[in-house]
Structures are given as structure tokens and as C-alpha cells.
Amino acid sequence: MSMTKANAEALNHGQNPGQDEQLDRAIEELRGVLQQEEQEPQAASSTAAAASSVIMDIPVEVQIVLGSTEMSVSELMTLQKGSTVALDRRIGEPIDLVVNGRRIARGEITVLENDSSRFAIRLTEIVTTKGS
């Protein structure tokens, strides 16, 4: 029996359905403000300011995904300290910036300029989705 990528990602990401619902509500609220602004530009400005402050306070889970793999439960059970797990990406390929389970950008690994003991990601592409 193989663990699918979706199952592994759900386990690894520890997704919180409450956060997704909160984000979805905020997105819908923002859409409402934008629609109202199109219809009544003057009246919507104060509503937009209030809505944007609510949206800016919503916590989101940000992950940097180096790659993934698929393995059986028996392979998973044989892993031990020192084991090597091959990923589906090659060195030099862009890595993903994922917010609440959605890829929003890609980039390259770099070292922080002010703290060379820490990694960072330099964005090289913002991912656009159709219909947004």
C-alpha cells in the first residue's frame, strides 16, 4: 500500500481546517467589499479599510517545500537515523512557497545576508491562478 502525495502532504502540513475556513471567510468578505466598491466607490472606502485590517490579522501557515516523494508504509517503517530519502526535485530547481496548502510562489534557497546561519527563499516567480 503506497502513501499518496496528498496524504503525505496532509500529514506533513498538519493543515488546520479552521484556518482554511477563516481564510475563505476573509476572502469572501474582501470580494464583497470589492463588489460594493464597484457599485458605490465613496461609501465603500471606510468598509474596505475595516475589512483589510481584519484580513491582515488572519494567521496563515507558510511552508517552503523542497520536494516530495512517495513510499510504501514498509519503506517508511525502515527509515532510521542516517537514512536518505530521495525527493522529486533536482538541485537548482525552484522550490515552492505554500500558504495554507496553496502554492503562491516559487524561488531559490539562499542564506540570509544578516545571519549566515539561517536559510531563506528568494522569490523568482509569483504563481497566478486562473479565475482570480
C-alpha atoms as a PDB file:
ATOM      1  CA  MET A   1       0.000   0.000   0.000  1.00  0.00           C
ATOM      2  CA  SER A   2       1.544   3.331  -1.080  1.00  0.00           C
ATOM      3  CA  MET A   3       1.111   6.626   0.681  1.00  0.00           C
ATOM      4  CA  THR A   4      -0.138   9.177  -1.843  1.00  0.00           C
ATOM      5  CA  LYS A   5       1.422  12.614  -2.126  1.00  0.00           C
ATOM      6  CA  ALA A   6      -1.855  14.203  -0.998  1.00  0.00           C
ATOM      7  CA  ASN A   7      -1.967  12.034   2.131  1.00  0.00           C
ATOM      8  CA  ALA A   8       1.688  12.708   2.895  1.00  0.00           C
ATOM      9  CA  GLU A   9       1.215  16.443   2.393  1.00  0.00           C
ATOM     10  CA  ALA A  10      -1.825  16.481   4.668  1.00  0.00           C
ATOM     11  CA  LEU A  11       0.181  14.664   7.341  1.00  0.00           C
ATOM     12  CA  ASN A  12       3.250  16.843   6.879  1.00  0.00           C
ATOM     13  CA  HIS A  13       1.411  20.128   6.622  1.00  0.00           C
ATOM     14  CA  GLY A  14      -0.777  19.474   9.665  1.00  0.00           C
ATOM     15  CA  GLN A  15      -3.461  21.504   7.950  1.00  0.00           C
ATOM     16  CA  ASN A  16      -5.994  23.085  10.218  1.00  0.00           C
ATOM     17  CA  PRO A  17      -9.465  23.167   8.656  1.00  0.00           C
ATOM     18  CA  GLY A  18     -10.368  26.098  10.937  1.00  0.00           C
ATOM     19  CA  GLN A  19      -7.624  28.237   9.410  1.00  0.00           C
ATOM     20  CA  ASP A  20      -8.823  27.389   5.901  1.00  0.00           C
ATOM     21  CA  GLU A  21     -12.396  28.335   6.819  1.00  0.00           C
ATOM     22  CA  GLN A  22     -11.191  31.586   8.362  1.00  0.00           C
ATOM     23  CA  LEU A  23      -9.187  32.399   5.240  1.00  0.00           C
ATOM     24  CA  ASP A  24     -12.122  31.519   2.969  1.00  0.00           C
ATOM     25  CA  ARG A  25     -14.441  33.795   5.008  1.00  0.00           C
ATOM     26  CA  ALA A  26     -11.938  36.641   4.766  1.00  0.00           C
ATOM     27  CA  ILE A  27     -11.622  36.166   1.012  1.00  0.00           C
ATOM     28  CA  GLU A  28     -15.409  36.241   0.629  1.00  0.00           C
ATOM     29  CA  GLU A  29     -15.587  39.375   2.796  1.00  0.00           C
ATOM     30  CA  LEU A  30     -12.958  41.032   0.617  1.00  0.00           C
ATOM     31  CA  ARG A  31     -14.853  40.054  -2.542  1.00  0.00           C
ATOM     32  CA  GLY A  32     -17.975  41.668  -1.060  1.00  0.00           C
ATOM     33  CA  VAL A  33     -16.076  44.867  -0.317  1.00  0.00           C
ATOM     34  CA  LEU A  34     -14.657  44.942  -3.840  1.00  0.00           C
ATOM     35  CA  GLN A  35     -18.113  44.445  -5.360  1.00  0.00           C
ATOM     36  CA  GLN A  36     -19.540  47.178  -3.120  1.00  0.00           C
ATOM     37  CA  GLU A  37     -16.697  49.494  -4.101  1.00  0.00           C
ATOM     38  CA  GLU A  38     -17.512  48.981  -7.773  1.00  0.00           C
ATOM     39  CA  GLN A  39     -21.139  49.942  -7.115  1.00  0.00           C
ATOM     40  CA  GLU A  40     -20.624  52.708  -4.503  1.00  0.00           C
ATOM     41  CA  PRO A  41     -16.993  53.925  -4.546  1.00  0.00           C
ATOM     42  CA  GLN A  42     -17.393  56.629  -1.828  1.00  0.00           C
ATOM     43  CA  ALA A  43     -19.362  54.572   0.712  1.00  0.00           C
ATOM     44  CA  ALA A  44     -17.157  51.523   0.340  1.00  0.00           C
ATOM     45  CA  SER A  45     -13.865  53.187   1.307  1.00  0.00           C
ATOM     46  CA  SER A  46     -14.439  53.014   5.089  1.00  0.00           C
ATOM     47  CA  THR A  47     -15.747  49.446   4.810  1.00  0.00           C
ATOM     48  CA  ALA A  48     -12.697  48.481   2.763  1.00  0.00           C
ATOM     49  CA  ALA A  49     -10.324  49.878   5.384  1.00  0.00           C
ATOM     50  CA  ALA A  50     -12.049  47.907   8.152  1.00  0.00           C
ATOM     51  CA  ALA A  51     -12.111  44.715   6.082  1.00  0.00           C
ATOM     52  CA  SER A  52      -8.462  44.999   5.108  1.00  0.00           C
ATOM     53  CA  SER A  53      -7.403  45.324   8.750  1.00  0.00           C
ATOM     54  CA  VAL A  54      -9.369  42.153   9.578  1.00  0.00           C
ATOM     55  CA  ILE A  55      -7.753  40.323   6.682  1.00  0.00           C
ATOM     56  CA  MET A  56      -4.241  41.438   7.602  1.00  0.00           C
ATOM     57  CA  ASP A  57      -4.620  39.889  11.077  1.00  0.00           C
ATOM     58  CA  ILE A  58      -5.539  36.404   9.845  1.00  0.00           C
ATOM     59  CA  PRO A  59      -2.775  33.900  10.639  1.00  0.00           C
ATOM     60  CA  VAL A  60      -1.673  31.716   7.746  1.00  0.00           C
ATOM     61  CA  GLU A  61       0.658  28.742   7.634  1.00  0.00           C
ATOM     62  CA  VAL A  62       3.632  29.383   5.347  1.00  0.00           C
ATOM     63  CA  GLN A  63       5.759  26.450   4.206  1.00  0.00           C
ATOM     64  CA  ILE A  64       8.765  26.128   1.967  1.00  0.00           C
ATOM     65  CA  VAL A  65       8.533  22.824   0.096  1.00  0.00           C
ATOM     66  CA  LEU A  66      11.835  21.408  -1.112  1.00  0.00           C
ATOM     67  CA  GLY A  67      10.196  18.386  -2.716  1.00  0.00           C
ATOM     68  CA  SER A  68       8.207  15.266  -2.029  1.00  0.00           C
ATOM     69  CA  THR A  69       8.356  11.552  -2.550  1.00  0.00           C
ATOM     70  CA  GLU A  70       6.074   8.567  -2.435  1.00  0.00           C
ATOM     71  CA  MET A  71       6.905   5.460  -0.441  1.00  0.00           C
ATOM     72  CA  SER A  72       5.138   2.466   0.996  1.00  0.00           C
ATOM     73  CA  VAL A  73       4.422   2.138   4.690  1.00  0.00           C
ATOM     74  CA  SER A  74       7.005  -0.660   4.904  1.00  0.00           C
ATOM     75  CA  GLU A  75       9.652   1.648   3.373  1.00  0.00           C
ATOM     76  CA  LEU A  76       8.617   4.364   5.792  1.00  0.00           C
ATOM     77  CA  MET A  77       8.962   1.977   8.734  1.00  0.00           C
ATOM     78  CA  THR A  78      12.557   1.088   7.767  1.00  0.00           C
ATOM     79  CA  LEU A  79      13.733   4.715   7.956  1.00  0.00           C
ATOM     80  CA  GLN A  80      16.256   5.395  10.659  1.00  0.00           C
ATOM     81  CA  LYS A  81      18.846   7.980  11.585  1.00  0.00           C
ATOM     82  CA  GLY A  82      21.177   8.390   8.616  1.00  0.00           C
ATOM     83  CA  SER A  83      18.638   7.179   6.014  1.00  0.00           C
ATOM     84  CA  THR A  84      18.484   9.145   2.776  1.00  0.00           C
ATOM     85  CA  VAL A  85      15.124   9.949   1.198  1.00  0.00           C
ATOM     86  CA  ALA A  86      15.239  10.976  -2.473  1.00  0.00           C
ATOM     87  CA  LEU A  87      12.963  13.859  -3.445  1.00  0.00           C
ATOM     88  CA  ASP A  88      11.272  14.590  -6.758  1.00  0.00           C
ATOM     89  CA  ARG A  89      13.337  17.742  -7.363  1.00  0.00           C
ATOM     90  CA  ARG A  90      16.879  18.264  -8.555  1.00  0.00           C
ATOM     91  CA  ILE A  91      19.436  20.658  -7.104  1.00  0.00           C
ATOM     92  CA  GLY A  92      18.923  24.082  -8.633  1.00  0.00           C
ATOM     93  CA  GLU A  93      15.216  23.614  -9.406  1.00  0.00           C
ATOM     94  CA  PRO A  94      12.880  26.197  -7.885  1.00  0.00           C
ATOM     95  CA  ILE A  95      11.202  25.357  -4.586  1.00  0.00           C
ATOM     96  CA  ASP A  96       7.612  26.173  -3.644  1.00  0.00           C
ATOM     97  CA  LEU A  97       6.264  28.724  -1.183  1.00  0.00           C
ATOM     98  CA  VAL A  98       2.947  27.302   0.030  1.00  0.00           C
ATOM     99  CA  VAL A  99       0.356  29.216   2.061  1.00  0.00           C
ATOM    100  CA  ASN A 100      -2.419  27.170   3.683  1.00  0.00           C
ATOM    101  CA  GLY A 101      -1.814  24.350   1.219  1.00  0.00           C
ATOM    102  CA  ARG A 102      -1.811  26.561  -1.897  1.00  0.00           C
ATOM    103  CA  ARG A 103       1.357  27.248  -3.875  1.00  0.00           C
ATOM    104  CA  ILE A 104       1.649  31.003  -4.299  1.00  0.00           C
ATOM    105  CA  ALA A 105       5.273  31.471  -5.339  1.00  0.00           C
ATOM    106  CA  ARG A 106       8.482  29.722  -6.340  1.00  0.00           C
ATOM    107  CA  GLY A 107      12.026  30.627  -5.519  1.00  0.00           C
ATOM    108  CA  GLU A 108      15.560  29.594  -4.758  1.00  0.00           C
ATOM    109  CA  ILE A 109      17.240  28.785  -1.472  1.00  0.00           C
ATOM    110  CA  THR A 110      19.627  31.428  -0.224  1.00  0.00           C
ATOM    111  CA  VAL A 111      21.368  32.400   3.007  1.00  0.00           C
ATOM    112  CA  LEU A 112      20.207  35.437   4.984  1.00  0.00           C
ATOM    113  CA  GLU A 113      22.588  38.332   4.441  1.00  0.00           C
ATOM    114  CA  ASN A 114      22.475  39.450   8.076  1.00  0.00           C
ATOM    115  CA  ASP A 115      22.611  35.919   9.574  1.00  0.00           C
ATOM    116  CA  SER A 116      24.600  33.379   7.559  1.00  0.00           C
ATOM    117  CA  SER A 117      23.473  30.571   9.873  1.00  0.00           C
ATOM    118  CA  ARG A 118      19.897  30.789   8.520  1.00  0.00           C
ATOM    119  CA  PHE A 119      18.311  29.824   5.206  1.00  0.00           C
ATOM    120  CA  ALA A 120      15.782  31.901   3.285  1.00  0.00           C
ATOM    121  CA  ILE A 121      13.977  31.791  -0.044  1.00  0.00           C
ATOM    122  CA  ARG A 122      14.464  34.417  -2.762  1.00  0.00           C
ATOM    123  CA  LEU A 123      11.259  34.578  -4.798  1.00  0.00           C
ATOM    124  CA  THR A 124      11.692  34.184  -8.530  1.00  0.00           C
ATOM    125  CA  GLU A 125       8.065  33.720  -9.585  1.00  0.00           C
ATOM    126  CA  ILE A 126       4.636  34.605  -8.208  1.00  0.00           C
ATOM    127  CA  VAL A 127       2.145  31.898  -9.174  1.00  0.00           C
ATOM    128  CA  THR A 128      -1.111  33.177 -10.613  1.00  0.00           C
ATOM    129  CA  THR A 129      -4.286  31.150 -10.626  1.00  0.00           C
ATOM    130  CA  LYS A 130      -6.933  31.284 -13.327  1.00  0.00           C
ATOM    131  CA  GLY A 131     -10.133  32.982 -12.354  1.00  0.00           C
ATOM    132  CA  SER A 132      -8.579  35.220  -9.677  1.00  0.00           C
END
